[in-house]
PDB file of all heavy atoms in Angstrom:
ATOM      1  N   TYR A   1      31.618  96.688 113.378  1.00  0.00           N
ATOM      2  CA  TYR A   1      31.357  95.339 112.873  1.00  0.00           C
ATOM      3  C   TYR A   1      31.935  95.294 111.376  1.00  0.00           C
ATOM      4  O   TYR A   1      32.083  96.328 110.763  1.00  0.00           O
ATOM      5  CB  TYR A   1      29.859  94.916 112.902  1.00  0.00           C
ATOM      6  CG  TYR A   1      28.985  95.670 111.939  1.00  0.00           C
ATOM      7  CD1 TYR A   1      28.777  95.286 110.581  1.00  0.00           C
ATOM      8  CD2 TYR A   1      28.323  96.802 112.330  1.00  0.00           C
ATOM      9  CE1 TYR A   1      27.955  95.956 109.739  1.00  0.00           C
ATOM     10  CE2 TYR A   1      27.452  97.515 111.548  1.00  0.00           C
ATOM     11  CZ  TYR A   1      27.323  97.070 110.217  1.00  0.00           C
ATOM     12  OH  TYR A   1      26.528  97.703 109.409  1.00  0.00           O
ATOM     13  N   SER A   2      32.282  94.117 110.995  1.00  0.00           N
ATOM     14  CA  SER A   2      32.847  93.940 109.697  1.00  0.00           C
ATOM     15  C   SER A   2      32.549  92.457 109.234  1.00  0.00           C
ATOM     16  O   SER A   2      32.651  91.558 110.059  1.00  0.00           O
ATOM     17  CB  SER A   2      34.333  94.165 109.674  1.00  0.00           C
ATOM     18  OG  SER A   2      34.950  93.768 108.399  1.00  0.00           O
ATOM     19  N   ALA A   3      32.330  92.318 107.908  1.00  0.00           N
ATOM     20  CA  ALA A   3      32.075  91.008 107.432  1.00  0.00           C
ATOM     21  C   ALA A   3      33.351  90.385 106.849  1.00  0.00           C
ATOM     22  O   ALA A   3      33.505  89.137 106.716  1.00  0.00           O
ATOM     23  CB  ALA A   3      31.108  91.018 106.231  1.00  0.00           C
ATOM     24  N   ASN A   4      34.385  91.222 106.665  1.00  0.00           N
ATOM     25  CA  ASN A   4      35.644  90.631 106.132  1.00  0.00           C
ATOM     26  C   ASN A   4      36.933  91.096 106.888  1.00  0.00           C
ATOM     27  O   ASN A   4      37.978  90.708 106.547  1.00  0.00           O
ATOM     28  CB  ASN A   4      35.864  91.209 104.652  1.00  0.00           C
ATOM     29  CG  ASN A   4      35.795  92.677 104.559  1.00  0.00           C
ATOM     30  OD1 ASN A   4      36.048  93.421 105.449  1.00  0.00           O
ATOM     31  ND2 ASN A   4      35.472  93.189 103.362  1.00  0.00           N
ATOM     32  N   GLY A   5      36.724  91.835 108.017  1.00  0.00           N
ATOM     33  CA  GLY A   5      37.866  92.175 108.755  1.00  0.00           C
ATOM     34  C   GLY A   5      38.636  93.377 108.244  1.00  0.00           C
ATOM     35  O   GLY A   5      39.670  93.858 108.844  1.00  0.00           O
ATOM     36  N   ARG A   6      38.286  93.868 107.116  1.00  0.00           N
ATOM     37  CA  ARG A   6      38.955  95.054 106.401  1.00  0.00           C
ATOM     38  C   ARG A   6      38.037  96.299 106.424  1.00  0.00           C
ATOM     39  O   ARG A   6      38.522  97.401 106.747  1.00  0.00           O
ATOM     40  CB  ARG A   6      39.361  94.713 105.017  1.00  0.00           C
ATOM     41  CG  ARG A   6      40.421  93.558 104.861  1.00  0.00           C
ATOM     42  CD  ARG A   6      40.775  93.298 103.455  1.00  0.00           C
ATOM     43  NE  ARG A   6      39.655  92.955 102.653  1.00  0.00           N
ATOM     44  CZ  ARG A   6      39.235  91.643 102.449  1.00  0.00           C
ATOM     45  NH1 ARG A   6      39.916  90.683 103.144  1.00  0.00           N
ATOM     46  NH2 ARG A   6      38.203  91.437 101.731  1.00  0.00           N
ATOM     47  N   ASP A   7      36.825  96.123 106.071  1.00  0.00           N
ATOM     48  CA  ASP A   7      35.900  97.264 105.974  1.00  0.00           C
ATOM     49  C   ASP A   7      34.930  97.245 107.185  1.00  0.00           C
ATOM     50  O   ASP A   7      34.211  96.279 107.424  1.00  0.00           O
ATOM     51  CB  ASP A   7      35.058  97.154 104.656  1.00  0.00           C
ATOM     52  CG  ASP A   7      35.910  97.073 103.479  1.00  0.00           C
ATOM     53  OD1 ASP A   7      36.845  97.832 103.263  1.00  0.00           O
ATOM     54  OD2 ASP A   7      35.723  95.992 102.684  1.00  0.00           O
ATOM     55  N   TRP A   8      35.020  98.311 107.963  1.00  0.00           N
ATOM     56  CA  TRP A   8      34.293  98.326 109.263  1.00  0.00           C
ATOM     57  C   TRP A   8      33.277  99.448 109.266  1.00  0.00           C
ATOM     58  O   TRP A   8      33.443 100.481 108.678  1.00  0.00           O
ATOM     59  CB  TRP A   8      35.380  98.591 110.394  1.00  0.00           C
ATOM     60  CG  TRP A   8      36.264  97.480 110.593  1.00  0.00           C
ATOM     61  CD1 TRP A   8      37.386  97.239 110.014  1.00  0.00           C
ATOM     62  CD2 TRP A   8      36.121  96.433 111.530  1.00  0.00           C
ATOM     63  NE1 TRP A   8      38.029  96.050 110.327  1.00  0.00           N
ATOM     64  CE2 TRP A   8      37.284  95.550 111.359  1.00  0.00           C
ATOM     65  CE3 TRP A   8      35.176  96.046 112.517  1.00  0.00           C
ATOM     66  CZ2 TRP A   8      37.435  94.391 112.116  1.00  0.00           C
ATOM     67  CZ3 TRP A   8      35.346  94.933 113.147  1.00  0.00           C
ATOM     68  CH2 TRP A   8      36.468  94.093 112.974  1.00  0.00           C
ATOM     69  N   THR A   9      32.192  99.114 109.993  1.00  0.00           N
ATOM     70  CA  THR A   9      31.087 100.097 110.167  1.00  0.00           C
ATOM     71  C   THR A   9      30.954 100.396 111.636  1.00  0.00           C
ATOM     72  O   THR A   9      30.887  99.436 112.480  1.00  0.00           O
ATOM     73  CB  THR A   9      29.846  99.562 109.615  1.00  0.00           C
ATOM     74  OG1 THR A   9      29.939  99.396 108.181  1.00  0.00           O
ATOM     75  CG2 THR A   9      28.602 100.650 109.742  1.00  0.00           C
ATOM     76  N   VAL A  10      30.767 101.664 111.997  1.00  0.00           N
ATOM     77  CA  VAL A  10      30.598 101.985 113.428  1.00  0.00           C
ATOM     78  C   VAL A  10      29.051 101.833 113.764  1.00  0.00           C
ATOM     79  O   VAL A  10      28.226 102.372 113.037  1.00  0.00           O
ATOM     80  CB  VAL A  10      31.017 103.435 113.728  1.00  0.00           C
ATOM     81  CG1 VAL A  10      30.789 103.814 115.177  1.00  0.00           C
ATOM     82  CG2 VAL A  10      32.554 103.586 113.312  1.00  0.00           C
ATOM     83  N   VAL A  11      28.794 101.156 114.817  1.00  0.00           N
ATOM     84  CA  VAL A  11      27.417 101.049 115.304  1.00  0.00           C
ATOM     85  C   VAL A  11      26.996 102.304 116.056  1.00  0.00           C
ATOM     86  O   VAL A  11      27.812 102.831 116.845  1.00  0.00           O
ATOM     87  CB  VAL A  11      27.332  99.771 116.235  1.00  0.00           C
ATOM     88  CG1 VAL A  11      25.927  99.688 116.986  1.00  0.00           C
ATOM     89  CG2 VAL A  11      27.628  98.496 115.546  1.00  0.00           C
ATOM     90  N   PRO A  12      25.727 102.704 115.948  1.00  0.00           N
ATOM     91  CA  PRO A  12      25.297 103.895 116.646  1.00  0.00           C
ATOM     92  C   PRO A  12      25.454 103.591 118.154  1.00  0.00           C
ATOM     93  O   PRO A  12      25.112 102.570 118.738  1.00  0.00           O
ATOM     94  CB  PRO A  12      23.717 103.957 116.337  1.00  0.00           C
ATOM     95  CG  PRO A  12      23.690 103.355 114.985  1.00  0.00           C
ATOM     96  CD  PRO A  12      24.713 102.257 114.913  1.00  0.00           C
ATOM     97  N   ARG A  13      26.034 104.663 118.875  1.00  0.00           N
ATOM     98  CA  ARG A  13      26.396 104.431 120.250  1.00  0.00           C
ATOM     99  C   ARG A  13      25.201 104.324 121.141  1.00  0.00           C
ATOM    100  O   ARG A  13      24.254 105.104 121.178  1.00  0.00           O
ATOM    101  CB  ARG A  13      27.242 105.610 120.678  1.00  0.00           C
ATOM    102  CG  ARG A  13      27.872 105.565 122.082  1.00  0.00           C
ATOM    103  CD  ARG A  13      28.696 106.757 122.289  1.00  0.00           C
ATOM    104  NE  ARG A  13      29.786 106.912 121.320  1.00  0.00           N
ATOM    105  CZ  ARG A  13      30.589 107.929 121.290  1.00  0.00           C
ATOM    106  NH1 ARG A  13      30.526 108.896 122.279  1.00  0.00           N
ATOM    107  NH2 ARG A  13      31.538 108.017 120.429  1.00  0.00           N
ATOM    108  N   LEU A  14      25.367 103.304 122.056  1.00  0.00           N
ATOM    109  CA  LEU A  14      24.206 103.041 123.073  1.00  0.00           C
ATOM    110  C   LEU A  14      24.713 103.517 124.441  1.00  0.00           C
ATOM    111  O   LEU A  14      23.890 103.712 125.288  1.00  0.00           O
ATOM    112  CB  LEU A  14      23.942 101.561 123.148  1.00  0.00           C
ATOM    113  CG  LEU A  14      23.187 100.975 121.900  1.00  0.00           C
ATOM    114  CD1 LEU A  14      23.003  99.494 122.125  1.00  0.00           C
ATOM    115  CD2 LEU A  14      21.945 101.628 121.675  1.00  0.00           C
ATOM    116  N   THR A  15      26.016 103.784 124.633  1.00  0.00           N
ATOM    117  CA  THR A  15      26.498 104.186 125.941  1.00  0.00           C
ATOM    118  C   THR A  15      27.828 104.897 125.698  1.00  0.00           C
ATOM    119  O   THR A  15      28.494 104.731 124.645  1.00  0.00           O
ATOM    120  CB  THR A  15      26.793 102.917 126.797  1.00  0.00           C
ATOM    121  OG1 THR A  15      27.405 103.325 128.004  1.00  0.00           O
ATOM    122  CG2 THR A  15      27.762 102.014 126.152  1.00  0.00           C
ATOM    123  N   LYS A  16      28.172 105.733 126.664  1.00  0.00           N
ATOM    124  CA  LYS A  16      29.453 106.434 126.682  1.00  0.00           C
ATOM    125  C   LYS A  16      30.483 105.749 127.487  1.00  0.00           C
ATOM    126  O   LYS A  16      31.620 106.089 127.539  1.00  0.00           O
ATOM    127  CB  LYS A  16      29.295 107.909 127.107  1.00  0.00           C
ATOM    128  CG  LYS A  16      28.459 108.720 126.196  1.00  0.00           C
ATOM    129  CD  LYS A  16      28.372 110.147 126.760  1.00  0.00           C
ATOM    130  CE  LYS A  16      27.570 111.035 125.778  1.00  0.00           C
ATOM    131  NZ  LYS A  16      27.507 112.435 126.233  1.00  0.00           N
ATOM    132  N   SER A  17      30.095 104.584 128.111  1.00  0.00           N
ATOM    133  CA  SER A  17      30.998 103.843 128.979  1.00  0.00           C
ATOM    134  C   SER A  17      31.987 103.084 128.154  1.00  0.00           C
ATOM    135  O   SER A  17      31.579 102.631 127.088  1.00  0.00           O
ATOM    136  CB  SER A  17      30.115 102.964 129.944  1.00  0.00           C
ATOM    137  OG  SER A  17      29.350 103.642 130.790  1.00  0.00           O
ATOM    138  N   HIS A  18      33.152 102.950 128.697  1.00  0.00           N
ATOM    139  CA  HIS A  18      34.170 102.083 127.968  1.00  0.00           C
ATOM    140  C   HIS A  18      33.793 100.657 128.042  1.00  0.00           C
ATOM    141  O   HIS A  18      33.346 100.137 129.057  1.00  0.00           O
ATOM    142  CB  HIS A  18      35.495 102.240 128.660  1.00  0.00           C
ATOM    143  CG  HIS A  18      36.087 103.603 128.703  1.00  0.00           C
ATOM    144  ND1 HIS A  18      35.698 104.554 127.731  1.00  0.00           N
ATOM    145  CD2 HIS A  18      37.030 104.249 129.418  1.00  0.00           C
ATOM    146  CE1 HIS A  18      36.328 105.682 127.905  1.00  0.00           C
ATOM    147  NE2 HIS A  18      37.084 105.556 129.006  1.00  0.00           N
ATOM    148  N   LEU A  19      33.908  99.964 126.859  1.00  0.00           N
ATOM    149  CA  LEU A  19      33.616  98.575 126.768  1.00  0.00           C
ATOM    150  C   LEU A  19      34.933  97.751 126.873  1.00  0.00           C
ATOM    151  O   LEU A  19      35.932  98.004 126.124  1.00  0.00           O
ATOM    152  CB  LEU A  19      32.893  98.217 125.497  1.00  0.00           C
ATOM    153  CG  LEU A  19      31.517  98.909 125.285  1.00  0.00           C
ATOM    154  CD1 LEU A  19      30.999  98.648 123.937  1.00  0.00           C
ATOM    155  CD2 LEU A  19      30.584  98.485 126.372  1.00  0.00           C
ATOM    156  N   LYS A  20      35.054  96.790 127.772  1.00  0.00           N
ATOM    157  CA  LYS A  20      36.251  96.033 128.027  1.00  0.00           C
ATOM    158  C   LYS A  20      36.393  94.817 127.316  1.00  0.00           C
ATOM    159  O   LYS A  20      37.458  94.330 127.025  1.00  0.00           O
ATOM    160  CB  LYS A  20      36.336  95.872 129.584  1.00  0.00           C
ATOM    161  CG  LYS A  20      36.303  97.076 130.463  1.00  0.00           C
ATOM    162  CD  LYS A  20      37.483  98.046 130.220  1.00  0.00           C
ATOM    163  CE  LYS A  20      37.484  99.144 131.235  1.00  0.00           C
ATOM    164  NZ  LYS A  20      38.618 100.091 131.016  1.00  0.00           N
ATOM    165  N   LYS A  21      35.205  94.118 127.040  1.00  0.00           N
ATOM    166  CA  LYS A  21      35.281  92.764 126.530  1.00  0.00           C
ATOM    167  C   LYS A  21      34.039  92.499 125.630  1.00  0.00           C
ATOM    168  O   LYS A  21      32.959  92.893 126.044  1.00  0.00           O
ATOM    169  CB  LYS A  21      35.291  91.711 127.680  1.00  0.00           C
ATOM    170  CG  LYS A  21      35.460  90.352 127.246  1.00  0.00           C
ATOM    171  CD  LYS A  21      36.918  90.004 126.785  1.00  0.00           C
ATOM    172  CE  LYS A  21      37.051  88.467 126.571  1.00  0.00           C
ATOM    173  NZ  LYS A  21      38.429  88.173 126.233  1.00  0.00           N
ATOM    174  N   VAL A  22      34.267  91.786 124.504  1.00  0.00           N
ATOM    175  CA  VAL A  22      33.114  91.255 123.740  1.00  0.00           C
ATOM    176  C   VAL A  22      33.409  89.882 123.284  1.00  0.00           C
ATOM    177  O   VAL A  22      34.547  89.541 123.003  1.00  0.00           O
ATOM    178  CB  VAL A  22      32.948  92.284 122.483  1.00  0.00           C
ATOM    179  CG1 VAL A  22      34.146  92.227 121.548  1.00  0.00           C
ATOM    180  CG2 VAL A  22      31.663  91.756 121.703  1.00  0.00           C
ATOM    181  N   ILE A  23      32.381  89.064 123.464  1.00  0.00           N
ATOM    182  CA  ILE A  23      32.540  87.616 123.112  1.00  0.00           C
ATOM    183  C   ILE A  23      31.361  87.262 122.194  1.00  0.00           C
ATOM    184  O   ILE A  23      30.292  87.935 122.109  1.00  0.00           O
ATOM    185  CB  ILE A  23      32.599  86.680 124.282  1.00  0.00           C
ATOM    186  CG1 ILE A  23      31.237  86.752 125.004  1.00  0.00           C
ATOM    187  CG2 ILE A  23      33.767  87.117 125.200  1.00  0.00           C
ATOM    188  CD1 ILE A  23      31.091  85.612 126.035  1.00  0.00           C
ATOM    189  N   PHE A  24      31.544  86.146 121.493  1.00  0.00           N
ATOM    190  CA  PHE A  24      30.378  85.547 120.844  1.00  0.00           C
ATOM    191  C   PHE A  24      30.202  84.119 121.355  1.00  0.00           C
ATOM    192  O   PHE A  24      31.179  83.299 121.446  1.00  0.00           O
ATOM    193  CB  PHE A  24      30.569  85.414 119.275  1.00  0.00           C
ATOM    194  CG  PHE A  24      29.453  84.803 118.574  1.00  0.00           C
ATOM    195  CD1 PHE A  24      28.471  85.621 118.151  1.00  0.00           C
ATOM    196  CD2 PHE A  24      29.452  83.421 118.216  1.00  0.00           C
ATOM    197  CE1 PHE A  24      27.337  85.131 117.427  1.00  0.00           C
ATOM    198  CE2 PHE A  24      28.334  82.998 117.579  1.00  0.00           C
ATOM    199  CZ  PHE A  24      27.309  83.745 117.149  1.00  0.00           C
ATOM    200  N   ALA A  25      29.016  83.856 121.882  1.00  0.00           N
ATOM    201  CA  ALA A  25      28.733  82.450 122.452  1.00  0.00           C
ATOM    202  C   ALA A  25      27.193  82.313 122.445  1.00  0.00           C
ATOM    203  O   ALA A  25      26.497  83.314 122.557  1.00  0.00           O
ATOM    204  CB  ALA A  25      29.336  82.319 123.899  1.00  0.00           C
ATOM    205  N   SER A  26      26.761  81.106 122.369  1.00  0.00           N
ATOM    206  CA  SER A  26      25.356  80.755 122.347  1.00  0.00           C
ATOM    207  C   SER A  26      24.566  81.663 121.333  1.00  0.00           C
ATOM    208  O   SER A  26      23.513  82.115 121.627  1.00  0.00           O
ATOM    209  CB  SER A  26      24.812  80.906 123.747  1.00  0.00           C
ATOM    210  OG  SER A  26      23.478  80.405 123.811  1.00  0.00           O
ATOM    211  N   ASN A  27      25.208  81.775 120.192  1.00  0.00           N
ATOM    212  CA  ASN A  27      24.539  82.440 119.014  1.00  0.00           C
ATOM    213  C   ASN A  27      24.267  83.953 119.293  1.00  0.00           C
ATOM    214  O   ASN A  27      23.285  84.495 118.689  1.00  0.00           O
ATOM    215  CB  ASN A  27      23.279  81.765 118.673  1.00  0.00           C
ATOM    216  CG  ASN A  27      22.786  82.079 117.208  1.00  0.00           C
ATOM    217  OD1 ASN A  27      23.646  82.147 116.320  1.00  0.00           O
ATOM    218  ND2 ASN A  27      21.498  82.247 116.967  1.00  0.00           N
ATOM    219  N   ARG A  28      25.119  84.582 119.985  1.00  0.00           N
ATOM    220  CA  ARG A  28      24.992  86.033 120.239  1.00  0.00           C
ATOM    221  C   ARG A  28      26.245  86.658 120.693  1.00  0.00           C
ATOM    222  O   ARG A  28      27.160  85.988 121.226  1.00  0.00           O
ATOM    223  CB  ARG A  28      23.854  86.292 121.308  1.00  0.00           C
ATOM    224  CG  ARG A  28      24.264  85.973 122.755  1.00  0.00           C
ATOM    225  CD  ARG A  28      23.023  85.684 123.591  1.00  0.00           C
ATOM    226  NE  ARG A  28      22.413  84.467 123.204  1.00  0.00           N
ATOM    227  CZ  ARG A  28      21.258  84.006 123.602  1.00  0.00           C
ATOM    228  NH1 ARG A  28      20.568  84.840 124.400  1.00  0.00           N
ATOM    229  NH2 ARG A  28      20.712  82.913 123.241  1.00  0.00           N
ATOM    230  N   PHE A  29      26.381  87.987 120.467  1.00  0.00           N
ATOM    231  CA  PHE A  29      27.511  88.731 120.930  1.00  0.00           C
ATOM    232  C   PHE A  29      27.141  89.380 122.310  1.00  0.00           C
ATOM    233  O   PHE A  29      25.964  89.757 122.448  1.00  0.00           O
ATOM    234  CB  PHE A  29      27.845  89.860 119.950  1.00  0.00           C
ATOM    235  CG  PHE A  29      28.526  89.410 118.672  1.00  0.00           C
ATOM    236  CD1 PHE A  29      27.687  89.317 117.605  1.00  0.00           C
ATOM    237  CD2 PHE A  29      29.780  89.227 118.648  1.00  0.00           C
ATOM    238  CE1 PHE A  29      28.315  88.871 116.359  1.00  0.00           C
ATOM    239  CE2 PHE A  29      30.366  88.855 117.476  1.00  0.00           C
ATOM    240  CZ  PHE A  29      29.619  88.648 116.304  1.00  0.00           C
ATOM    241  N   VAL A  30      28.027  89.408 123.239  1.00  0.00           N
ATOM    242  CA  VAL A  30      27.819  90.006 124.501  1.00  0.00           C
ATOM    243  C   VAL A  30      29.009  90.867 124.826  1.00  0.00           C
ATOM    244  O   VAL A  30      30.188  90.346 124.826  1.00  0.00           O
ATOM    245  CB  VAL A  30      27.614  89.001 125.630  1.00  0.00           C
ATOM    246  CG1 VAL A  30      27.341  89.685 126.988  1.00  0.00           C
ATOM    247  CG2 VAL A  30      26.370  88.060 125.292  1.00  0.00           C
ATOM    248  N   ALA A  31      28.784  92.164 125.157  1.00  0.00           N
ATOM    249  CA  ALA A  31      29.864  93.086 125.460  1.00  0.00           C
ATOM    250  C   ALA A  31      29.581  93.597 126.967  1.00  0.00           C
ATOM    251  O   ALA A  31      28.394  93.829 127.339  1.00  0.00           O
ATOM    252  CB  ALA A  31      29.911  94.235 124.552  1.00  0.00           C
ATOM    253  N   GLY A  32      30.736  93.788 127.685  1.00  0.00           N
ATOM    254  CA  GLY A  32      30.622  94.361 129.032  1.00  0.00           C
ATOM    255  C   GLY A  32      31.651  95.302 129.218  1.00  0.00           C
ATOM    256  O   GLY A  32      32.646  95.385 128.549  1.00  0.00           O
TER     257      GLY A  32
END
């Protein structure tokens, strides 16, 4: 995640599975 698109922070991993898509809608991020 990043607030400016330049400086990024890695989120603690919740899964080892590859994530194909992330969207923002209805006031939340959803990744599958």
